[in-house]
Each structure stands twice: as C-alpha cells, then as structure tokens.
PDB file of N, CA and C in Angstrom:
ATOM      1  N   UNK A   1     -28.748 -10.843 -16.931  1.00  0.00           N
ATOM      2  CA  UNK A   1     -27.820 -10.502 -17.977  1.00  0.00           C
ATOM      3  C   UNK A   1     -26.484 -11.175 -17.667  1.00  0.00           C
ATOM      4  N   UNK A   2     -25.911 -11.801 -18.652  1.00  0.00           N
ATOM      5  CA  UNK A   2     -24.624 -12.480 -18.516  1.00  0.00           C
ATOM      6  C   UNK A   2     -23.521 -11.417 -18.450  1.00  0.00           C
ATOM      7  N   UNK A   3     -22.675 -11.480 -17.413  1.00  0.00           N
ATOM      8  CA  UNK A   3     -21.615 -10.482 -17.248  1.00  0.00           C
ATOM      9  C   UNK A   3     -20.220 -11.097 -17.353  1.00  0.00           C
ATOM     10  N   UNK A   4     -20.150 -12.336 -17.828  1.00  0.00           N
ATOM     11  CA  UNK A   4     -18.861 -12.993 -18.028  1.00  0.00           C
ATOM     12  C   UNK A   4     -18.613 -14.107 -17.034  1.00  0.00           C
ATOM     13  N   UNK A   5     -17.903 -15.136 -17.481  1.00  0.00           N
ATOM     14  CA  UNK A   5     -17.492 -16.275 -16.666  1.00  0.00           C
ATOM     15  C   UNK A   5     -18.671 -16.944 -15.966  1.00  0.00           C
ATOM     16  N   UNK A   6     -19.767 -17.120 -16.697  1.00  0.00           N
ATOM     17  CA  UNK A   6     -20.984 -17.764 -16.194  1.00  0.00           C
ATOM     18  C   UNK A   6     -21.596 -17.054 -14.995  1.00  0.00           C
ATOM     19  N   UNK A   7     -21.415 -15.744 -14.920  1.00  0.00           N
ATOM     20  CA  UNK A   7     -22.024 -14.930 -13.872  1.00  0.00           C
ATOM     21  C   UNK A   7     -23.160 -14.118 -14.478  1.00  0.00           C
ATOM     22  N   UNK A   8     -24.205 -13.943 -13.678  1.00  0.00           N
ATOM     23  CA  UNK A   8     -25.412 -13.279 -14.174  1.00  0.00           C
ATOM     24  C   UNK A   8     -25.886 -12.260 -13.147  1.00  0.00           C
ATOM     25  N   UNK A   9     -26.399 -11.123 -13.652  1.00  0.00           N
ATOM     26  CA  UNK A   9     -27.047 -10.110 -12.820  1.00  0.00           C
ATOM     27  C   UNK A   9     -28.432  -9.877 -13.404  1.00  0.00           C
ATOM     28  N   UNK A  10     -29.431  -9.762 -12.543  1.00  0.00           N
ATOM     29  CA  UNK A  10     -30.781  -9.484 -13.030  1.00  0.00           C
ATOM     30  C   UNK A  10     -30.841  -8.086 -13.637  1.00  0.00           C
ATOM     31  N   UNK A  11     -31.322  -8.002 -14.867  1.00  0.00           N
ATOM     32  CA  UNK A  11     -31.423  -6.708 -15.546  1.00  0.00           C
ATOM     33  C   UNK A  11     -32.289  -5.726 -14.776  1.00  0.00           C
ATOM     34  N   UNK A  12     -33.340  -6.228 -14.155  1.00  0.00           N
ATOM     35  CA  UNK A  12     -34.271  -5.344 -13.441  1.00  0.00           C
ATOM     36  C   UNK A  12     -33.642  -4.712 -12.203  1.00  0.00           C
ATOM     37  N   UNK A  13     -32.502  -5.223 -11.748  1.00  0.00           N
ATOM     38  CA  UNK A  13     -31.843  -4.700 -10.544  1.00  0.00           C
ATOM     39  C   UNK A  13     -30.715  -3.722 -10.866  1.00  0.00           C
ATOM     40  N   UNK A  14     -30.339  -3.601 -12.142  1.00  0.00           N
ATOM     41  CA  UNK A  14     -29.208  -2.760 -12.532  1.00  0.00           C
ATOM     42  C   UNK A  14     -29.629  -1.300 -12.613  1.00  0.00           C
ATOM     43  N   UNK A  15     -28.860  -0.445 -11.954  1.00  0.00           N
ATOM     44  CA  UNK A  15     -29.080   1.001 -12.012  1.00  0.00           C
ATOM     45  C   UNK A  15     -28.137   1.635 -13.032  1.00  0.00           C
ATOM     46  N   UNK A  16     -26.858   1.224 -13.003  1.00  0.00           N
ATOM     47  CA  UNK A  16     -25.860   1.823 -13.888  1.00  0.00           C
ATOM     48  C   UNK A  16     -24.741   0.847 -14.190  1.00  0.00           C
ATOM     49  N   UNK A  17     -24.146   1.023 -15.376  1.00  0.00           N
ATOM     50  CA  UNK A  17     -22.942   0.296 -15.779  1.00  0.00           C
ATOM     51  C   UNK A  17     -21.929   1.362 -16.165  1.00  0.00           C
ATOM     52  N   UNK A  18     -20.786   1.382 -15.469  1.00  0.00           N
ATOM     53  CA  UNK A  18     -19.792   2.429 -15.705  1.00  0.00           C
ATOM     54  C   UNK A  18     -18.405   1.834 -15.898  1.00  0.00           C
ATOM     55  N   UNK A  19     -17.531   2.638 -16.477  1.00  0.00           N
ATOM     56  CA  UNK A  19     -16.135   2.273 -16.668  1.00  0.00           C
ATOM     57  C   UNK A  19     -15.440   2.272 -15.316  1.00  0.00           C
ATOM     58  N   UNK A  20     -14.593   1.297 -15.073  1.00  0.00           N
ATOM     59  CA  UNK A  20     -13.945   1.139 -13.773  1.00  0.00           C
ATOM     60  C   UNK A  20     -12.731   2.043 -13.579  1.00  0.00           C
ATOM     61  N   UNK A  21     -12.329   2.780 -14.589  1.00  0.00           N
ATOM     62  CA  UNK A  21     -11.079   3.522 -14.528  1.00  0.00           C
ATOM     63  C   UNK A  21     -11.083   4.817 -13.745  1.00  0.00           C
ATOM     64  N   UNK A  22     -12.214   5.431 -13.537  1.00  0.00           N
ATOM     65  CA  UNK A  22     -12.259   6.746 -12.894  1.00  0.00           C
ATOM     66  C   UNK A  22     -12.011   6.643 -11.389  1.00  0.00           C
ATOM     67  N   UNK A  23     -11.300   7.622 -10.841  1.00  0.00           N
ATOM     68  CA  UNK A  23     -10.992   7.615  -9.409  1.00  0.00           C
ATOM     69  C   UNK A  23     -12.223   7.623  -8.514  1.00  0.00           C
ATOM     70  N   UNK A  24     -13.271   8.403  -8.819  1.00  0.00           N
ATOM     71  CA  UNK A  24     -14.458   8.350  -7.952  1.00  0.00           C
ATOM     72  C   UNK A  24     -15.100   6.959  -7.916  1.00  0.00           C
ATOM     73  N   UNK A  25     -15.067   6.257  -9.028  1.00  0.00           N
ATOM     74  CA  UNK A  25     -15.618   4.899  -9.091  1.00  0.00           C
ATOM     75  C   UNK A  25     -14.759   3.966  -8.250  1.00  0.00           C
ATOM     76  N   UNK A  26     -13.461   4.122  -8.343  1.00  0.00           N
ATOM     77  CA  UNK A  26     -12.553   3.293  -7.537  1.00  0.00           C
ATOM     78  C   UNK A  26     -12.802   3.493  -6.048  1.00  0.00           C
ATOM     79  N   UNK A  27     -13.064   4.738  -5.643  1.00  0.00           N
ATOM     80  CA  UNK A  27     -13.355   5.008  -4.231  1.00  0.00           C
ATOM     81  C   UNK A  27     -14.658   4.341  -3.805  1.00  0.00           C
ATOM     82  N   UNK A  28     -15.669   4.387  -4.673  1.00  0.00           N
ATOM     83  CA  UNK A  28     -16.944   3.729  -4.363  1.00  0.00           C
ATOM     84  C   UNK A  28     -16.770   2.216  -4.251  1.00  0.00           C
ATOM     85  N   UNK A  29     -15.948   1.643  -5.114  1.00  0.00           N
ATOM     86  CA  UNK A  29     -15.676   0.200  -5.068  1.00  0.00           C
ATOM     87  C   UNK A  29     -14.982  -0.151  -3.754  1.00  0.00           C
ATOM     88  N   UNK A  30     -14.013   0.644  -3.353  1.00  0.00           N
ATOM     89  CA  UNK A  30     -13.298   0.384  -2.099  1.00  0.00           C
ATOM     90  C   UNK A  30     -14.235   0.484  -0.900  1.00  0.00           C
ATOM     91  N   UNK A  31     -15.127   1.472  -0.925  1.00  0.00           N
ATOM     92  CA  UNK A  31     -16.094   1.634   0.166  1.00  0.00           C
ATOM     93  C   UNK A  31     -17.046   0.441   0.221  1.00  0.00           C
ATOM     94  N   UNK A  32     -17.477  -0.059  -0.958  1.00  0.00           N
ATOM     95  CA  UNK A  32     -18.362  -1.228  -1.007  1.00  0.00           C
ATOM     96  C   UNK A  32     -17.642  -2.471  -0.492  1.00  0.00           C
ATOM     97  N   UNK A  33     -16.356  -2.586  -0.796  1.00  0.00           N
ATOM     98  CA  UNK A  33     -15.572  -3.726  -0.321  1.00  0.00           C
ATOM     99  C   UNK A  33     -15.493  -3.725   1.201  1.00  0.00           C
ATOM    100  N   UNK A  34     -15.258  -2.553   1.775  1.00  0.00           N
ATOM    101  CA  UNK A  34     -15.159  -2.426   3.229  1.00  0.00           C
ATOM    102  C   UNK A  34     -16.473  -2.762   3.929  1.00  0.00           C
ATOM    103  N   UNK A  35     -17.596  -2.438   3.265  1.00  0.00           N
ATOM    104  CA  UNK A  35     -18.901  -2.661   3.884  1.00  0.00           C
ATOM    105  C   UNK A  35     -19.526  -4.013   3.508  1.00  0.00           C
ATOM    106  N   UNK A  36     -18.807  -4.835   2.728  1.00  0.00           N
ATOM    107  CA  UNK A  36     -19.324  -6.150   2.367  1.00  0.00           C
ATOM    108  C   UNK A  36     -20.377  -6.118   1.273  1.00  0.00           C
ATOM    109  N   UNK A  37     -20.422  -5.049   0.501  1.00  0.00           N
ATOM    110  CA  UNK A  37     -21.415  -4.906  -0.564  1.00  0.00           C
ATOM    111  C   UNK A  37     -20.810  -5.044  -1.966  1.00  0.00           C
ATOM    112  N   UNK A  38     -19.615  -5.648  -2.046  1.00  0.00           N
ATOM    113  CA  UNK A  38     -18.933  -5.798  -3.325  1.00  0.00           C
ATOM    114  C   UNK A  38     -18.971  -7.249  -3.771  1.00  0.00           C
ATOM    115  N   UNK A  39     -19.312  -7.455  -5.051  1.00  0.00           N
ATOM    116  CA  UNK A  39     -19.293  -8.786  -5.660  1.00  0.00           C
ATOM    117  C   UNK A  39     -18.298  -8.736  -6.815  1.00  0.00           C
ATOM    118  N   UNK A  40     -17.232  -9.520  -6.705  1.00  0.00           N
ATOM    119  CA  UNK A  40     -16.204  -9.554  -7.741  1.00  0.00           C
ATOM    120  C   UNK A  40     -16.480 -10.728  -8.673  1.00  0.00           C
ATOM    121  N   UNK A  41     -16.926 -10.433  -9.887  1.00  0.00           N
ATOM    122  CA  UNK A  41     -17.246 -11.466 -10.873  1.00  0.00           C
ATOM    123  C   UNK A  41     -16.228 -11.468 -12.016  1.00  0.00           C
ATOM    124  N   UNK A  42     -14.994 -11.044 -11.719  1.00  0.00           N
ATOM    125  CA  UNK A  42     -13.969 -10.946 -12.757  1.00  0.00           C
ATOM    126  C   UNK A  42     -13.160 -12.217 -12.941  1.00  0.00           C
ATOM    127  N   UNK A  43     -13.263 -13.167 -12.034  1.00  0.00           N
ATOM    128  CA  UNK A  43     -12.469 -14.400 -12.067  1.00  0.00           C
ATOM    129  C   UNK A  43     -10.979 -14.104 -12.170  1.00  0.00           C
ATOM    130  N   UNK A  44     -10.527 -13.078 -11.462  1.00  0.00           N
ATOM    131  CA  UNK A  44      -9.120 -12.731 -11.433  1.00  0.00           C
ATOM    132  C   UNK A  44      -8.633 -11.881 -12.581  1.00  0.00           C
ATOM    133  N   UNK A  45      -9.508 -11.545 -13.502  1.00  0.00           N
ATOM    134  CA  UNK A  45      -9.125 -10.710 -14.647  1.00  0.00           C
ATOM    135  C   UNK A  45      -9.206  -9.235 -14.262  1.00  0.00           C
ATOM    136  N   UNK A  46      -8.751  -8.363 -15.150  1.00  0.00           N
ATOM    137  CA  UNK A  46      -8.794  -6.927 -14.937  1.00  0.00           C
ATOM    138  C   UNK A  46     -10.252  -6.459 -14.897  1.00  0.00           C
ATOM    139  N   UNK A  47     -10.560  -5.603 -13.933  1.00  0.00           N
ATOM    140  CA  UNK A  47     -11.907  -5.041 -13.837  1.00  0.00           C
ATOM    141  C   UNK A  47     -12.061  -3.938 -14.866  1.00  0.00           C
ATOM    142  N   UNK A  48     -13.052  -4.076 -15.745  1.00  0.00           N
ATOM    143  CA  UNK A  48     -13.300  -3.066 -16.775  1.00  0.00           C
ATOM    144  C   UNK A  48     -14.630  -2.353 -16.573  1.00  0.00           C
ATOM    145  N   UNK A  49     -15.585  -3.028 -15.909  1.00  0.00           N
ATOM    146  CA  UNK A  49     -16.910  -2.451 -15.693  1.00  0.00           C
ATOM    147  C   UNK A  49     -17.314  -2.587 -14.241  1.00  0.00           C
ATOM    148  N   UNK A  50     -18.051  -1.589 -13.793  1.00  0.00           N
ATOM    149  CA  UNK A  50     -18.631  -1.613 -12.457  1.00  0.00           C
ATOM    150  C   UNK A  50     -20.137  -1.477 -12.632  1.00  0.00           C
ATOM    151  N   UNK A  51     -20.875  -2.400 -12.036  1.00  0.00           N
ATOM    152  CA  UNK A  51     -22.338  -2.426 -12.154  1.00  0.00           C
ATOM    153  C   UNK A  51     -22.926  -2.066 -10.799  1.00  0.00           C
ATOM    154  N   UNK A  52     -23.761  -1.031 -10.777  1.00  0.00           N
ATOM    155  CA  UNK A  52     -24.442  -0.620  -9.560  1.00  0.00           C
ATOM    156  C   UNK A  52     -25.853  -1.199  -9.575  1.00  0.00           C
ATOM    157  N   UNK A  53     -26.275  -1.769  -8.443  1.00  0.00           N
ATOM    158  CA  UNK A  53     -27.606  -2.361  -8.355  1.00  0.00           C
ATOM    159  C   UNK A  53     -28.486  -1.565  -7.401  1.00  0.00           C
ATOM    160  N   UNK A  54     -29.787  -1.800  -7.487  1.00  0.00           N
ATOM    161  CA  UNK A  54     -30.735  -1.097  -6.624  1.00  0.00           C
ATOM    162  C   UNK A  54     -30.689  -1.581  -5.182  1.00  0.00           C
ATOM    163  N   UNK A  55     -29.979  -2.653  -4.911  1.00  0.00           N
ATOM    164  CA  UNK A  55     -29.842  -3.177  -3.551  1.00  0.00           C
ATOM    165  C   UNK A  55     -28.541  -2.688  -2.907  1.00  0.00           C
ATOM    166  N   UNK A  56     -27.925  -1.656  -3.473  1.00  0.00           N
ATOM    167  CA  UNK A  56     -26.673  -1.069  -2.983  1.00  0.00           C
ATOM    168  C   UNK A  56     -25.482  -2.000  -3.079  1.00  0.00           C
ATOM    169  N   UNK A  57     -25.569  -3.018  -3.920  1.00  0.00           N
ATOM    170  CA  UNK A  57     -24.419  -3.874  -4.188  1.00  0.00           C
ATOM    171  C   UNK A  57     -23.705  -3.332  -5.421  1.00  0.00           C
ATOM    172  N   UNK A  58     -22.401  -3.530  -5.455  1.00  0.00           N
ATOM    173  CA  UNK A  58     -21.585  -3.174  -6.611  1.00  0.00           C
ATOM    174  C   UNK A  58     -20.976  -4.466  -7.134  1.00  0.00           C
ATOM    175  N   UNK A  59     -21.130  -4.691  -8.446  1.00  0.00           N
ATOM    176  CA  UNK A  59     -20.634  -5.910  -9.082  1.00  0.00           C
ATOM    177  C   UNK A  59     -19.527  -5.521 -10.055  1.00  0.00           C
ATOM    178  N   UNK A  60     -18.393  -6.213  -9.964  1.00  0.00           N
ATOM    179  CA  UNK A  60     -17.277  -5.971 -10.872  1.00  0.00           C
ATOM    180  C   UNK A  60     -17.309  -6.990 -12.002  1.00  0.00           C
ATOM    181  N   UNK A  61     -17.053  -6.521 -13.223  1.00  0.00           N
ATOM    182  CA  UNK A  61     -17.014  -7.401 -14.390  1.00  0.00           C
ATOM    183  C   UNK A  61     -15.766  -7.114 -15.203  1.00  0.00           C
ATOM    184  N   UNK A  62     -15.262  -8.131 -15.871  1.00  0.00           N
ATOM    185  CA  UNK A  62     -14.090  -7.949 -16.730  1.00  0.00           C
ATOM    186  C   UNK A  62     -14.483  -7.588 -18.162  1.00  0.00           C
ATOM    187  N   UNK A  63     -15.770  -7.519 -18.451  1.00  0.00           N
ATOM    188  CA  UNK A  63     -16.221  -7.127 -19.786  1.00  0.00           C
ATOM    189  C   UNK A  63     -16.274  -5.602 -19.896  1.00  0.00           C
ATOM    190  N   UNK A  64     -16.096  -5.105 -21.106  1.00  0.00           N
ATOM    191  CA  UNK A  64     -16.159  -3.667 -21.354  1.00  0.00           C
ATOM    192  C   UNK A  64     -17.573  -3.144 -21.090  1.00  0.00           C
ATOM    193  N   UNK A  65     -17.705  -1.914 -20.576  1.00  0.00           N
ATOM    194  CA  UNK A  65     -19.041  -1.357 -20.318  1.00  0.00           C
ATOM    195  C   UNK A  65     -19.937  -1.356 -21.557  1.00  0.00           C
ATOM    196  N   UNK A  66     -19.377  -1.024 -22.721  1.00  0.00           N
ATOM    197  CA  UNK A  66     -20.177  -0.978 -23.942  1.00  0.00           C
ATOM    198  C   UNK A  66     -20.782  -2.337 -24.265  1.00  0.00           C
ATOM    199  N   UNK A  67     -20.023  -3.380 -24.037  1.00  0.00           N
ATOM    200  CA  UNK A  67     -20.526  -4.742 -24.291  1.00  0.00           C
ATOM    201  C   UNK A  67     -21.686  -5.077 -23.362  1.00  0.00           C
ATOM    202  N   UNK A  68     -21.566  -4.693 -22.097  1.00  0.00           N
ATOM    203  CA  UNK A  68     -22.647  -4.941 -21.145  1.00  0.00           C
ATOM    204  C   UNK A  68     -23.883  -4.124 -21.496  1.00  0.00           C
ATOM    205  N   UNK A  69     -23.686  -2.890 -21.917  1.00  0.00           N
ATOM    206  CA  UNK A  69     -24.813  -2.041 -22.304  1.00  0.00           C
ATOM    207  C   UNK A  69     -25.531  -2.634 -23.514  1.00  0.00           C
ATOM    208  N   UNK A  70     -24.765  -3.148 -24.476  1.00  0.00           N
ATOM    209  CA  UNK A  70     -25.377  -3.810 -25.636  1.00  0.00           C
ATOM    210  C   UNK A  70     -26.212  -5.002 -25.192  1.00  0.00           C
ATOM    211  N   UNK A  71     -25.711  -5.768 -24.251  1.00  0.00           N
ATOM    212  CA  UNK A  71     -26.461  -6.920 -23.742  1.00  0.00           C
ATOM    213  C   UNK A  71     -27.723  -6.471 -23.028  1.00  0.00           C
ATOM    214  N   UNK A  72     -27.637  -5.383 -22.294  1.00  0.00           N
ATOM    215  CA  UNK A  72     -28.829  -4.844 -21.618  1.00  0.00           C
ATOM    216  C   UNK A  72     -29.904  -4.476 -22.625  1.00  0.00           C
ATOM    217  N   UNK A  73     -29.492  -3.869 -23.706  1.00  0.00           N
ATOM    218  CA  UNK A  73     -30.441  -3.396 -24.715  1.00  0.00           C
ATOM    219  C   UNK A  73     -31.023  -4.518 -25.552  1.00  0.00           C
ATOM    220  N   UNK A  74     -30.283  -5.613 -25.766  1.00  0.00           N
ATOM    221  CA  UNK A  74     -30.726  -6.656 -26.691  1.00  0.00           C
ATOM    222  C   UNK A  74     -31.318  -7.889 -26.054  1.00  0.00           C
ATOM    223  N   UNK A  75     -30.981  -8.175 -24.791  1.00  0.00           N
ATOM    224  CA  UNK A  75     -31.542  -9.364 -24.139  1.00  0.00           C
ATOM    225  C   UNK A  75     -32.961  -9.073 -23.680  1.00  0.00           C
ATOM    226  N   UNK A  76     -33.779 -10.101 -23.742  1.00  0.00           N
ATOM    227  CA  UNK A  76     -35.165  -9.940 -23.307  1.00  0.00           C
ATOM    228  C   UNK A  76     -35.352 -10.448 -21.923  1.00  0.00           C
TER     229      UNK A  76
END
C-alpha cells in the first residue's frame, strides 16, 4: 500500500492505522524509536498516521489515517 512519497508498506503486514495525535501513541512511537523499530516515511512532513505492523515495526506517514484506510480497502 502506498503511504506517501513513494513509500510502500505490505498490506498483509499491517495490524493497525491510527491517528498520531494521541499521547499513548506518541509514547509508543518514542519507545519504537529508542529500540530501532521506527520507520519514518514522512519525508520531513508532519506525522499524521502511525502504522503498526505484525513485525513490531511502527511506520510514520504524513497522510491522514482515513486516506490510508481507504487505500487499504480499495487496493488489491
């Protein structure tokens, strides 16, 4: 699935797509950064979505969560 700026995540590996604004999500992102499990795919833009994968990686995207969810539902 295309997540912006020519970055792609395999749909089969995605567990959840959430809004980046909540404090618990921010804490999880910080913990992933400390442990080397964070992938920043925002190209320097504001983080709007956080994608959790089944491999315990967290991917940051600058696209809105709703847009990513629509892509999940419509891409084959």
